[in-house]
N, C-alpha and C. Protein backbone atom coordinates (compact mmCIF):
# COMPACT_ATOMS: atom_id res chain seq x y z
N MET A 1 0.82 -1.20 0.00
CA MET A 1 0.00 0.00 0.00
C MET A 1 0.86 1.26 0.00
N ALA A 2 1.96 1.22 0.80
CA ALA A 2 2.85 2.39 0.87
C ALA A 2 3.50 2.64 -0.49
N GLY A 3 3.85 1.54 -1.20
CA GLY A 3 4.47 1.67 -2.52
C GLY A 3 3.55 2.35 -3.51
N THR A 4 2.27 2.00 -3.48
CA THR A 4 1.28 2.61 -4.38
C THR A 4 1.14 4.09 -4.09
N LYS A 5 1.12 4.43 -2.79
CA LYS A 5 1.00 5.84 -2.39
C LYS A 5 2.20 6.64 -2.88
N ASN A 6 3.41 6.05 -2.72
CA ASN A 6 4.64 6.72 -3.17
C ASN A 6 4.63 6.89 -4.69
N ASN A 7 4.18 5.84 -5.41
CA ASN A 7 4.12 5.94 -6.88
C ASN A 7 3.17 7.05 -7.32
N GLN A 8 2.03 7.15 -6.65
CA GLN A 8 1.07 8.21 -6.97
C GLN A 8 1.68 9.59 -6.70
N ARG A 9 2.43 9.70 -5.61
CA ARG A 9 3.06 10.97 -5.27
C ARG A 9 4.10 11.35 -6.33
N VAL A 10 4.89 10.37 -6.77
CA VAL A 10 5.90 10.62 -7.80
C VAL A 10 5.22 11.08 -9.10
N ILE A 11 4.18 10.37 -9.51
CA ILE A 11 3.45 10.71 -10.73
C ILE A 11 2.88 12.12 -10.62
N GLN A 12 2.28 12.42 -9.46
CA GLN A 12 1.67 13.74 -9.24
C GLN A 12 2.72 14.85 -9.25
N THR A 13 3.86 14.60 -8.60
CA THR A 13 4.92 15.62 -8.54
C THR A 13 5.48 15.89 -9.92
N LYS A 14 5.74 14.84 -10.69
CA LYS A 14 6.27 15.01 -12.05
C LYS A 14 5.26 15.75 -12.94
N LEU A 15 3.98 15.46 -12.75
CA LEU A 15 2.94 16.14 -13.51
C LEU A 15 2.92 17.64 -13.18
N ILE A 16 3.03 17.97 -11.90
CA ILE A 16 3.05 19.37 -11.48
C ILE A 16 4.27 20.08 -12.08
N ILE A 17 5.42 19.42 -12.06
CA ILE A 17 6.63 20.03 -12.64
C ILE A 17 6.44 20.28 -14.12
N ARG A 18 5.93 19.29 -14.86
CA ARG A 18 5.71 19.44 -16.30
C ARG A 18 4.70 20.54 -16.60
N GLN A 19 3.59 20.55 -15.87
CA GLN A 19 2.56 21.57 -16.11
C GLN A 19 3.08 22.97 -15.82
N THR A 20 3.86 23.10 -14.75
CA THR A 20 4.43 24.41 -14.41
C THR A 20 5.41 24.86 -15.49
N PHE A 21 6.24 23.94 -15.94
CA PHE A 21 7.21 24.22 -16.99
C PHE A 21 6.50 24.72 -18.25
N LEU A 22 5.45 24.01 -18.66
CA LEU A 22 4.71 24.39 -19.86
C LEU A 22 4.00 25.73 -19.69
N LYS A 23 3.50 25.99 -18.49
CA LYS A 23 2.87 27.28 -18.21
C LYS A 23 3.88 28.42 -18.36
N LEU A 24 5.10 28.19 -17.84
CA LEU A 24 6.14 29.21 -17.93
C LEU A 24 6.61 29.41 -19.37
N LEU A 25 6.58 28.34 -20.17
CA LEU A 25 6.96 28.46 -21.58
C LEU A 25 5.99 29.33 -22.37
N LYS A 26 4.76 29.45 -21.89
CA LYS A 26 3.79 30.33 -22.55
C LYS A 26 4.14 31.80 -22.29
N GLN A 27 4.89 32.04 -21.23
CA GLN A 27 5.21 33.42 -20.83
C GLN A 27 6.58 33.88 -21.32
N ARG A 28 7.49 32.94 -21.53
CA ARG A 28 8.85 33.32 -21.96
C ARG A 28 9.49 32.20 -22.77
N ARG A 29 10.61 32.54 -23.39
CA ARG A 29 11.33 31.55 -24.21
C ARG A 29 11.93 30.46 -23.33
N PHE A 30 12.14 29.30 -23.95
CA PHE A 30 12.68 28.14 -23.23
C PHE A 30 13.97 28.48 -22.49
N GLU A 31 14.88 29.19 -23.15
CA GLU A 31 16.19 29.51 -22.57
C GLU A 31 16.06 30.38 -21.32
N GLU A 32 14.93 31.06 -21.17
CA GLU A 32 14.73 31.97 -20.04
C GLU A 32 14.07 31.30 -18.84
N VAL A 33 13.58 30.08 -18.99
CA VAL A 33 12.92 29.38 -17.89
C VAL A 33 13.98 28.65 -17.07
N THR A 34 14.04 28.95 -15.77
CA THR A 34 15.04 28.33 -14.91
C THR A 34 14.40 27.33 -13.95
N VAL A 35 15.24 26.50 -13.37
CA VAL A 35 14.77 25.55 -12.35
C VAL A 35 14.15 26.32 -11.19
N THR A 36 14.77 27.43 -10.82
CA THR A 36 14.26 28.26 -9.72
C THR A 36 12.84 28.74 -10.03
N ASP A 37 12.61 29.18 -11.28
CA ASP A 37 11.27 29.63 -11.69
C ASP A 37 10.25 28.51 -11.51
N ILE A 38 10.61 27.33 -11.97
CA ILE A 38 9.69 26.18 -11.89
C ILE A 38 9.39 25.85 -10.43
N CYS A 39 10.43 25.78 -9.62
CA CYS A 39 10.26 25.43 -8.20
C CYS A 39 9.39 26.46 -7.48
N LYS A 40 9.64 27.71 -7.74
CA LYS A 40 8.88 28.79 -7.09
C LYS A 40 7.41 28.70 -7.48
N ASP A 41 7.15 28.56 -8.77
CA ASP A 41 5.77 28.52 -9.26
C ASP A 41 5.04 27.24 -8.83
N ALA A 42 5.76 26.12 -8.81
CA ALA A 42 5.15 24.83 -8.45
C ALA A 42 5.12 24.60 -6.93
N LYS A 43 5.77 25.49 -6.19
CA LYS A 43 5.86 25.39 -4.73
C LYS A 43 6.50 24.07 -4.30
N ILE A 44 7.66 23.81 -4.93
CA ILE A 44 8.45 22.63 -4.57
C ILE A 44 9.88 23.08 -4.32
N THR A 45 10.66 22.20 -3.71
CA THR A 45 12.06 22.54 -3.47
C THR A 45 12.89 22.16 -4.70
N ARG A 46 14.09 22.75 -4.78
CA ARG A 46 15.00 22.41 -5.88
C ARG A 46 15.37 20.92 -5.81
N GLY A 47 15.51 20.42 -4.59
CA GLY A 47 15.83 19.00 -4.41
C GLY A 47 14.76 18.10 -5.03
N THR A 48 13.50 18.51 -4.89
CA THR A 48 12.40 17.74 -5.48
C THR A 48 12.52 17.75 -7.01
N PHE A 49 12.79 18.92 -7.57
CA PHE A 49 12.95 19.00 -9.03
C PHE A 49 14.09 18.09 -9.47
N TYR A 50 15.24 18.20 -8.80
CA TYR A 50 16.43 17.44 -9.23
C TYR A 50 16.30 15.95 -8.96
N ARG A 51 15.36 15.55 -8.15
CA ARG A 51 15.11 14.12 -7.93
C ARG A 51 14.61 13.49 -9.23
N TYR A 52 13.91 14.28 -10.06
CA TYR A 52 13.30 13.75 -11.28
C TYR A 52 13.97 14.20 -12.57
N TYR A 53 14.54 15.41 -12.55
CA TYR A 53 15.14 15.96 -13.77
C TYR A 53 16.45 16.65 -13.42
N GLN A 54 17.47 16.44 -14.26
CA GLN A 54 18.77 17.07 -14.00
C GLN A 54 18.79 18.55 -14.36
N SER A 55 17.91 18.95 -15.29
CA SER A 55 17.88 20.34 -15.76
C SER A 55 16.61 20.57 -16.57
N THR A 56 16.38 21.82 -16.94
CA THR A 56 15.24 22.12 -17.81
C THR A 56 15.46 21.49 -19.19
N PHE A 57 16.72 21.34 -19.60
CA PHE A 57 17.02 20.71 -20.89
C PHE A 57 16.60 19.24 -20.90
N VAL A 58 16.88 18.55 -19.79
CA VAL A 58 16.49 17.14 -19.66
C VAL A 58 14.97 17.01 -19.66
N LEU A 59 14.31 17.92 -18.94
CA LEU A 59 12.84 17.92 -18.91
C LEU A 59 12.28 18.14 -20.32
N MET A 60 12.82 19.11 -21.05
CA MET A 60 12.34 19.37 -22.41
C MET A 60 12.65 18.20 -23.33
N ASP A 61 13.83 17.60 -23.19
CA ASP A 61 14.17 16.43 -24.01
C ASP A 61 13.17 15.29 -23.78
N GLN A 62 12.76 15.12 -22.54
CA GLN A 62 11.79 14.07 -22.24
C GLN A 62 10.44 14.38 -22.90
N LEU A 63 10.01 15.64 -22.84
CA LEU A 63 8.75 16.02 -23.48
C LEU A 63 8.83 15.86 -25.00
N LYS A 64 9.97 16.25 -25.59
CA LYS A 64 10.15 16.07 -27.04
C LYS A 64 10.19 14.59 -27.39
N GLY A 65 10.85 13.79 -26.54
CA GLY A 65 10.91 12.34 -26.76
C GLY A 65 9.53 11.71 -26.73
N ASN A 66 8.70 12.15 -25.79
CA ASN A 66 7.33 11.63 -25.70
C ASN A 66 6.52 11.98 -26.95
N LEU A 67 6.73 13.20 -27.45
CA LEU A 67 6.06 13.64 -28.67
C LEU A 67 6.49 12.76 -29.85
N ALA A 68 7.79 12.54 -29.97
CA ALA A 68 8.32 11.70 -31.06
C ALA A 68 7.78 10.28 -30.98
N LYS A 69 7.76 9.71 -29.77
CA LYS A 69 7.26 8.33 -29.59
C LYS A 69 5.80 8.21 -30.01
N GLU A 70 5.00 9.22 -29.68
CA GLU A 70 3.58 9.19 -30.04
C GLU A 70 3.41 9.24 -31.56
N ILE A 71 4.19 10.08 -32.22
CA ILE A 71 4.12 10.17 -33.69
C ILE A 71 4.55 8.84 -34.32
N ILE A 72 5.65 8.29 -33.85
CA ILE A 72 6.17 7.03 -34.39
C ILE A 72 5.15 5.90 -34.23
N ALA A 73 4.57 5.79 -33.04
CA ALA A 73 3.60 4.72 -32.77
C ALA A 73 2.39 4.83 -33.69
N LEU A 74 1.90 6.04 -33.89
CA LEU A 74 0.71 6.22 -34.72
C LEU A 74 1.01 5.96 -36.19
N ILE A 75 2.17 6.38 -36.67
CA ILE A 75 2.53 6.11 -38.07
C ILE A 75 2.70 4.60 -38.29
N LYS A 76 3.38 3.93 -37.37
CA LYS A 76 3.57 2.48 -37.52
C LYS A 76 2.23 1.75 -37.51
N GLU A 77 1.30 2.26 -36.72
CA GLU A 77 -0.02 1.64 -36.63
C GLU A 77 -0.82 1.83 -37.92
N ARG A 78 -0.68 3.00 -38.55
CA ARG A 78 -1.53 3.33 -39.70
C ARG A 78 -0.87 3.16 -41.06
N PHE A 79 0.44 3.11 -41.13
CA PHE A 79 1.12 3.02 -42.42
C PHE A 79 0.80 1.69 -43.09
N ASP A 80 0.40 1.76 -44.34
CA ASP A 80 0.20 0.52 -45.09
C ASP A 80 0.63 0.73 -46.54
N GLU A 81 0.53 -0.33 -47.30
CA GLU A 81 1.05 -0.31 -48.67
C GLU A 81 0.34 0.69 -49.56
N SER A 82 -0.93 0.94 -49.33
CA SER A 82 -1.68 1.79 -50.25
C SER A 82 -1.65 3.26 -49.86
N ASP A 83 -1.30 3.57 -48.63
CA ASP A 83 -1.38 4.96 -48.17
C ASP A 83 -0.06 5.39 -47.55
N TRP A 84 0.66 6.23 -48.27
CA TRP A 84 1.95 6.72 -47.78
C TRP A 84 1.82 8.08 -47.13
N ASP A 85 0.62 8.55 -46.95
CA ASP A 85 0.42 9.92 -46.47
C ASP A 85 0.58 9.99 -44.95
N ILE A 86 1.82 10.17 -44.52
CA ILE A 86 2.09 10.22 -43.08
C ILE A 86 1.99 11.64 -42.51
N LEU A 87 1.98 12.64 -43.38
CA LEU A 87 1.93 14.02 -42.89
C LEU A 87 0.67 14.30 -42.07
N PRO A 88 -0.52 13.86 -42.49
CA PRO A 88 -1.70 14.11 -41.65
C PRO A 88 -1.59 13.44 -40.27
N ILE A 89 -0.93 12.31 -40.21
CA ILE A 89 -0.75 11.62 -38.92
C ILE A 89 0.13 12.48 -38.02
N ILE A 90 1.21 13.01 -38.59
CA ILE A 90 2.11 13.86 -37.80
C ILE A 90 1.36 15.11 -37.33
N PHE A 91 0.62 15.74 -38.25
CA PHE A 91 -0.14 16.93 -37.88
C PHE A 91 -1.17 16.61 -36.79
N GLU A 92 -1.79 15.45 -36.88
CA GLU A 92 -2.79 15.04 -35.88
C GLU A 92 -2.18 15.04 -34.47
N VAL A 93 -1.00 14.47 -34.36
CA VAL A 93 -0.33 14.41 -33.05
C VAL A 93 0.10 15.81 -32.62
N LEU A 94 0.69 16.57 -33.53
CA LEU A 94 1.18 17.91 -33.18
C LEU A 94 0.05 18.83 -32.74
N LYS A 95 -1.09 18.76 -33.40
CA LYS A 95 -2.20 19.65 -33.07
C LYS A 95 -2.79 19.38 -31.70
N LYS A 96 -2.73 18.12 -31.26
CA LYS A 96 -3.31 17.83 -29.94
C LYS A 96 -2.26 17.89 -28.83
N SER A 97 -1.00 18.10 -29.20
CA SER A 97 0.08 18.22 -28.21
C SER A 97 0.15 19.64 -27.69
N ASP A 98 0.88 19.81 -26.59
CA ASP A 98 1.03 21.15 -26.04
C ASP A 98 1.79 22.01 -27.05
N PRO A 99 1.23 23.15 -27.46
CA PRO A 99 1.87 23.98 -28.48
C PRO A 99 3.26 24.45 -28.08
N GLU A 100 3.50 24.63 -26.80
CA GLU A 100 4.81 25.11 -26.35
C GLU A 100 5.89 24.05 -26.59
N VAL A 101 5.54 22.79 -26.38
CA VAL A 101 6.49 21.69 -26.66
C VAL A 101 6.74 21.61 -28.15
N VAL A 102 5.67 21.72 -28.94
CA VAL A 102 5.80 21.66 -30.40
C VAL A 102 6.69 22.79 -30.90
N LYS A 103 6.49 24.00 -30.36
CA LYS A 103 7.29 25.15 -30.79
C LYS A 103 8.77 24.95 -30.52
N VAL A 104 9.10 24.38 -29.36
CA VAL A 104 10.52 24.16 -29.03
C VAL A 104 11.06 22.96 -29.81
N ALA A 105 10.26 21.91 -29.93
CA ALA A 105 10.72 20.69 -30.62
C ALA A 105 10.95 20.91 -32.10
N LEU A 106 10.11 21.77 -32.72
CA LEU A 106 10.17 21.92 -34.17
C LEU A 106 10.55 23.33 -34.61
N ASN A 107 11.29 24.04 -33.78
CA ASN A 107 11.75 25.36 -34.22
C ASN A 107 12.93 25.19 -35.18
N LYS A 108 13.40 26.29 -35.74
CA LYS A 108 14.50 26.22 -36.72
C LYS A 108 15.74 25.55 -36.14
N LYS A 109 16.00 25.79 -34.86
CA LYS A 109 17.21 25.27 -34.23
C LYS A 109 17.14 23.76 -33.97
N ASN A 110 16.00 23.28 -33.47
CA ASN A 110 15.87 21.87 -33.06
C ASN A 110 15.10 21.00 -34.03
N GLY A 111 14.32 21.62 -34.91
CA GLY A 111 13.36 20.88 -35.71
C GLY A 111 13.93 19.73 -36.52
N SER A 112 15.01 19.99 -37.24
CA SER A 112 15.58 18.93 -38.08
C SER A 112 16.03 17.74 -37.25
N GLN A 113 16.61 18.02 -36.11
CA GLN A 113 17.10 16.94 -35.23
C GLN A 113 15.93 16.09 -34.71
N CYS A 114 14.88 16.75 -34.26
CA CYS A 114 13.71 16.05 -33.72
C CYS A 114 13.03 15.20 -34.79
N ILE A 115 12.82 15.78 -35.96
CA ILE A 115 12.13 15.07 -37.03
C ILE A 115 13.02 13.95 -37.59
N SER A 116 14.32 14.19 -37.65
CA SER A 116 15.25 13.13 -38.10
C SER A 116 15.16 11.91 -37.20
N ARG A 117 15.02 12.17 -35.90
CA ARG A 117 14.91 11.05 -34.94
C ARG A 117 13.64 10.25 -35.21
N ILE A 118 12.55 10.95 -35.53
CA ILE A 118 11.29 10.27 -35.83
C ILE A 118 11.45 9.42 -37.09
N PHE A 119 11.97 10.03 -38.16
CA PHE A 119 12.08 9.30 -39.42
C PHE A 119 13.13 8.19 -39.38
N ALA A 120 14.17 8.36 -38.59
CA ALA A 120 15.17 7.29 -38.44
C ALA A 120 14.53 6.06 -37.80
N SER A 121 13.61 6.28 -36.87
CA SER A 121 12.93 5.17 -36.20
C SER A 121 11.95 4.45 -37.13
N LEU A 122 11.46 5.15 -38.14
CA LEU A 122 10.47 4.57 -39.04
C LEU A 122 11.08 3.91 -40.28
N LYS A 123 12.30 4.26 -40.59
CA LYS A 123 12.91 3.89 -41.87
C LYS A 123 12.83 2.39 -42.15
N GLU A 124 13.25 1.57 -41.23
CA GLU A 124 13.29 0.13 -41.50
C GLU A 124 11.91 -0.50 -41.50
N ALA A 125 10.95 0.13 -40.82
CA ALA A 125 9.58 -0.39 -40.85
C ALA A 125 8.93 -0.13 -42.21
N ILE A 126 9.32 0.97 -42.84
CA ILE A 126 8.73 1.36 -44.12
C ILE A 126 9.46 0.73 -45.31
N ARG A 127 10.75 0.42 -45.15
CA ARG A 127 11.58 -0.08 -46.27
C ARG A 127 10.95 -1.25 -47.03
N PRO A 128 10.49 -2.32 -46.37
CA PRO A 128 9.97 -3.47 -47.13
C PRO A 128 8.78 -3.12 -48.02
N THR A 129 7.88 -2.29 -47.52
CA THR A 129 6.71 -1.89 -48.30
C THR A 129 7.11 -1.14 -49.56
N VAL A 130 8.00 -0.17 -49.40
CA VAL A 130 8.43 0.65 -50.54
C VAL A 130 9.19 -0.20 -51.55
N MET A 131 10.08 -1.06 -51.07
CA MET A 131 10.90 -1.87 -51.98
C MET A 131 10.06 -2.91 -52.71
N GLN A 132 8.99 -3.34 -52.09
CA GLN A 132 8.10 -4.29 -52.76
C GLN A 132 7.30 -3.59 -53.85
N GLU A 133 6.90 -2.36 -53.59
CA GLU A 133 6.08 -1.64 -54.57
C GLU A 133 6.89 -1.18 -55.77
N ILE A 134 8.11 -0.73 -55.54
CA ILE A 134 8.93 -0.21 -56.64
C ILE A 134 9.95 -1.29 -57.03
N GLU A 135 9.68 -1.97 -58.14
CA GLU A 135 10.55 -3.05 -58.58
C GLU A 135 11.94 -2.52 -58.90
N MET A 136 12.92 -3.34 -58.66
CA MET A 136 14.32 -3.06 -58.97
C MET A 136 14.92 -1.96 -58.08
N LEU A 137 14.22 -1.56 -57.05
CA LEU A 137 14.73 -0.56 -56.13
C LEU A 137 15.77 -1.22 -55.22
N THR A 138 16.96 -0.68 -55.20
CA THR A 138 18.00 -1.23 -54.32
C THR A 138 17.91 -0.54 -52.95
N ASN A 139 18.66 -1.05 -52.00
CA ASN A 139 18.70 -0.42 -50.68
C ASN A 139 19.22 1.01 -50.77
N ASP A 140 20.23 1.23 -51.62
CA ASP A 140 20.74 2.60 -51.80
C ASP A 140 19.68 3.52 -52.41
N ASP A 141 18.96 3.00 -53.42
CA ASP A 141 17.89 3.80 -54.03
C ASP A 141 16.85 4.19 -52.99
N PHE A 142 16.47 3.22 -52.17
CA PHE A 142 15.48 3.50 -51.11
C PHE A 142 16.00 4.59 -50.17
N ASP A 143 17.28 4.50 -49.79
CA ASP A 143 17.85 5.49 -48.87
C ASP A 143 17.74 6.91 -49.44
N TYR A 144 18.01 7.05 -50.74
CA TYR A 144 17.91 8.37 -51.37
C TYR A 144 16.46 8.85 -51.45
N LEU A 145 15.57 7.96 -51.85
CA LEU A 145 14.15 8.31 -51.92
C LEU A 145 13.64 8.71 -50.54
N TYR A 146 14.00 7.95 -49.53
CA TYR A 146 13.55 8.23 -48.16
C TYR A 146 14.11 9.56 -47.67
N ALA A 147 15.37 9.82 -47.97
CA ALA A 147 15.98 11.11 -47.58
C ALA A 147 15.27 12.27 -48.25
N TYR A 148 14.95 12.11 -49.52
CA TYR A 148 14.25 13.16 -50.29
C TYR A 148 12.89 13.47 -49.68
N VAL A 149 12.10 12.44 -49.45
CA VAL A 149 10.74 12.62 -48.93
C VAL A 149 10.77 13.17 -47.51
N THR A 150 11.60 12.59 -46.65
CA THR A 150 11.60 13.02 -45.25
C THR A 150 12.20 14.41 -45.06
N ALA A 151 13.17 14.78 -45.87
CA ALA A 151 13.73 16.14 -45.77
C ALA A 151 12.66 17.16 -46.16
N GLY A 152 11.87 16.85 -47.16
CA GLY A 152 10.79 17.75 -47.57
C GLY A 152 9.75 17.90 -46.47
N ILE A 153 9.34 16.78 -45.88
CA ILE A 153 8.35 16.83 -44.80
C ILE A 153 8.91 17.59 -43.61
N SER A 154 10.17 17.36 -43.30
CA SER A 154 10.82 18.07 -42.19
C SER A 154 10.75 19.58 -42.40
N GLY A 155 11.11 20.02 -43.59
CA GLY A 155 11.07 21.45 -43.90
C GLY A 155 9.67 22.03 -43.80
N ILE A 156 8.68 21.28 -44.24
CA ILE A 156 7.29 21.73 -44.17
C ILE A 156 6.84 21.89 -42.72
N LEU A 157 7.18 20.92 -41.88
CA LEU A 157 6.77 20.97 -40.47
C LEU A 157 7.42 22.15 -39.74
N ILE A 158 8.69 22.38 -39.99
CA ILE A 158 9.40 23.50 -39.36
C ILE A 158 8.80 24.83 -39.81
N LEU A 159 8.49 24.94 -41.10
CA LEU A 159 7.87 26.16 -41.62
C LEU A 159 6.48 26.36 -41.03
N TRP A 160 5.72 25.27 -40.88
CA TRP A 160 4.38 25.34 -40.29
C TRP A 160 4.43 25.91 -38.87
N VAL A 161 5.41 25.45 -38.08
CA VAL A 161 5.57 25.97 -36.72
C VAL A 161 5.96 27.44 -36.77
N GLU A 162 6.91 27.77 -37.65
CA GLU A 162 7.39 29.14 -37.79
C GLU A 162 6.26 30.10 -38.18
N LYS A 163 5.31 29.61 -38.97
CA LYS A 163 4.21 30.45 -39.44
C LYS A 163 3.02 30.45 -38.49
N GLY A 164 3.19 29.90 -37.29
CA GLY A 164 2.14 30.02 -36.27
C GLY A 164 1.23 28.81 -36.11
N MET A 165 1.55 27.68 -36.72
CA MET A 165 0.82 26.43 -36.56
C MET A 165 -0.67 26.58 -36.86
N ASN A 166 -0.98 27.07 -38.04
CA ASN A 166 -2.36 27.19 -38.47
C ASN A 166 -3.04 25.83 -38.38
N PRO A 167 -4.20 25.76 -37.71
CA PRO A 167 -4.83 24.45 -37.52
C PRO A 167 -5.33 23.78 -38.80
N ASP A 168 -5.62 24.57 -39.85
CA ASP A 168 -6.09 23.96 -41.09
C ASP A 168 -4.89 23.59 -41.97
N THR A 169 -4.58 22.32 -41.98
CA THR A 169 -3.42 21.84 -42.74
C THR A 169 -3.82 21.03 -43.97
N SER A 170 -5.10 21.04 -44.31
CA SER A 170 -5.58 20.18 -45.38
C SER A 170 -4.93 20.48 -46.73
N VAL A 171 -4.70 21.75 -47.06
CA VAL A 171 -4.09 22.09 -48.35
C VAL A 171 -2.65 21.59 -48.39
N ILE A 172 -1.91 21.79 -47.29
CA ILE A 172 -0.52 21.31 -47.21
C ILE A 172 -0.50 19.79 -47.38
N GLU A 173 -1.38 19.11 -46.67
CA GLU A 173 -1.42 17.64 -46.70
C GLU A 173 -1.70 17.13 -48.11
N ARG A 174 -2.68 17.72 -48.79
CA ARG A 174 -3.02 17.28 -50.15
C ARG A 174 -1.87 17.54 -51.12
N SER A 175 -1.25 18.72 -51.00
CA SER A 175 -0.14 19.06 -51.90
C SER A 175 1.04 18.11 -51.72
N VAL A 176 1.39 17.86 -50.46
CA VAL A 176 2.53 16.98 -50.19
C VAL A 176 2.23 15.55 -50.65
N LEU A 177 1.02 15.07 -50.39
CA LEU A 177 0.66 13.72 -50.84
C LEU A 177 0.76 13.62 -52.35
N SER A 178 0.32 14.66 -53.05
CA SER A 178 0.40 14.67 -54.51
C SER A 178 1.85 14.59 -54.98
N ILE A 179 2.73 15.36 -54.35
CA ILE A 179 4.16 15.33 -54.70
C ILE A 179 4.76 13.96 -54.42
N ILE A 180 4.47 13.41 -53.25
CA ILE A 180 5.02 12.10 -52.87
C ILE A 180 4.53 11.02 -53.83
N ASN A 181 3.24 11.03 -54.13
CA ASN A 181 2.69 10.01 -55.03
C ASN A 181 3.27 10.12 -56.44
N ARG A 182 3.42 11.36 -56.92
CA ARG A 182 4.04 11.54 -58.24
C ARG A 182 5.47 11.00 -58.24
N SER A 183 6.22 11.32 -57.18
CA SER A 183 7.61 10.85 -57.08
C SER A 183 7.66 9.33 -57.04
N ARG A 184 6.79 8.76 -56.25
CA ARG A 184 6.80 7.29 -56.07
C ARG A 184 6.40 6.60 -57.37
N PHE A 185 5.36 7.10 -58.07
CA PHE A 185 4.92 6.46 -59.31
C PHE A 185 5.94 6.66 -60.44
N GLU A 186 6.52 7.85 -60.51
CA GLU A 186 7.55 8.10 -61.52
C GLU A 186 8.76 7.20 -61.29
N MET A 187 9.14 7.06 -60.02
CA MET A 187 10.29 6.22 -59.71
C MET A 187 9.99 4.77 -60.07
N ALA A 188 8.78 4.31 -59.76
CA ALA A 188 8.39 2.94 -60.09
C ALA A 188 8.40 2.72 -61.61
N LYS A 189 7.96 3.75 -62.36
CA LYS A 189 7.89 3.66 -63.82
C LYS A 189 9.29 3.73 -64.45
N GLU A 190 10.14 4.59 -63.92
CA GLU A 190 11.45 4.83 -64.52
C GLU A 190 12.53 3.84 -64.08
N MET A 191 12.34 3.21 -62.95
CA MET A 191 13.40 2.35 -62.41
C MET A 191 13.86 1.27 -63.41
N PRO A 192 12.96 0.55 -64.09
CA PRO A 192 13.44 -0.44 -65.06
C PRO A 192 14.30 0.21 -66.16
N ASN A 193 13.90 1.40 -66.64
CA ASN A 193 14.66 2.09 -67.69
C ASN A 193 16.04 2.50 -67.18
N ILE A 194 16.10 3.01 -65.96
CA ILE A 194 17.37 3.43 -65.37
C ILE A 194 18.29 2.23 -65.21
N ARG A 195 17.74 1.13 -64.74
CA ARG A 195 18.55 -0.09 -64.55
C ARG A 195 19.08 -0.60 -65.89
N GLY A 196 18.27 -0.44 -66.96
CA GLY A 196 18.69 -0.89 -68.29
C GLY A 196 19.85 -0.08 -68.84
N ILE A 197 19.97 1.19 -68.43
CA ILE A 197 21.04 2.07 -68.91
C ILE A 197 22.38 1.69 -68.30
N ARG A 198 22.35 1.23 -67.07
CA ARG A 198 23.61 0.96 -66.36
C ARG A 198 24.42 -0.13 -66.97
């Protein structure tokens, strides 16, 4: 019984720290939020904060990591051979996430790193489907195609955050899907011809 009580206290304390941190991020930039600010606002001691997090950077990394894990899990769950449109899935997670975490995770400074981590985790799960659909595609060819598509999506997401995270993303989603599908079908059509030239 005591263990359950302690676990509940730990969960509650960590929740208070995260909520306070996110509240402070609405008022100032990430670099300006200190451990002292969080402790003062959350009415906890510095020792309590440091019991769970080494710094505000560690706390933010954990929040960004949770965001990335949620995106990865949903894409893996929904990705199939007929539908390569992962951008709406990413937008779905980002729109329901705390905007302050999204702003820090996908700003110009951190965005590429965060999104690269997401796409690196998905690469091998997606490889068999793509290689099966596009005949004669080698592992190297897949790597280039994947880099092309994911770099484009990364740039779009960072720009979306920079432009204020407009909730209506339907035009962006349709445009990107059209580009990806054209690229994928053209590559499937041209690959035999390219292989014949070599």
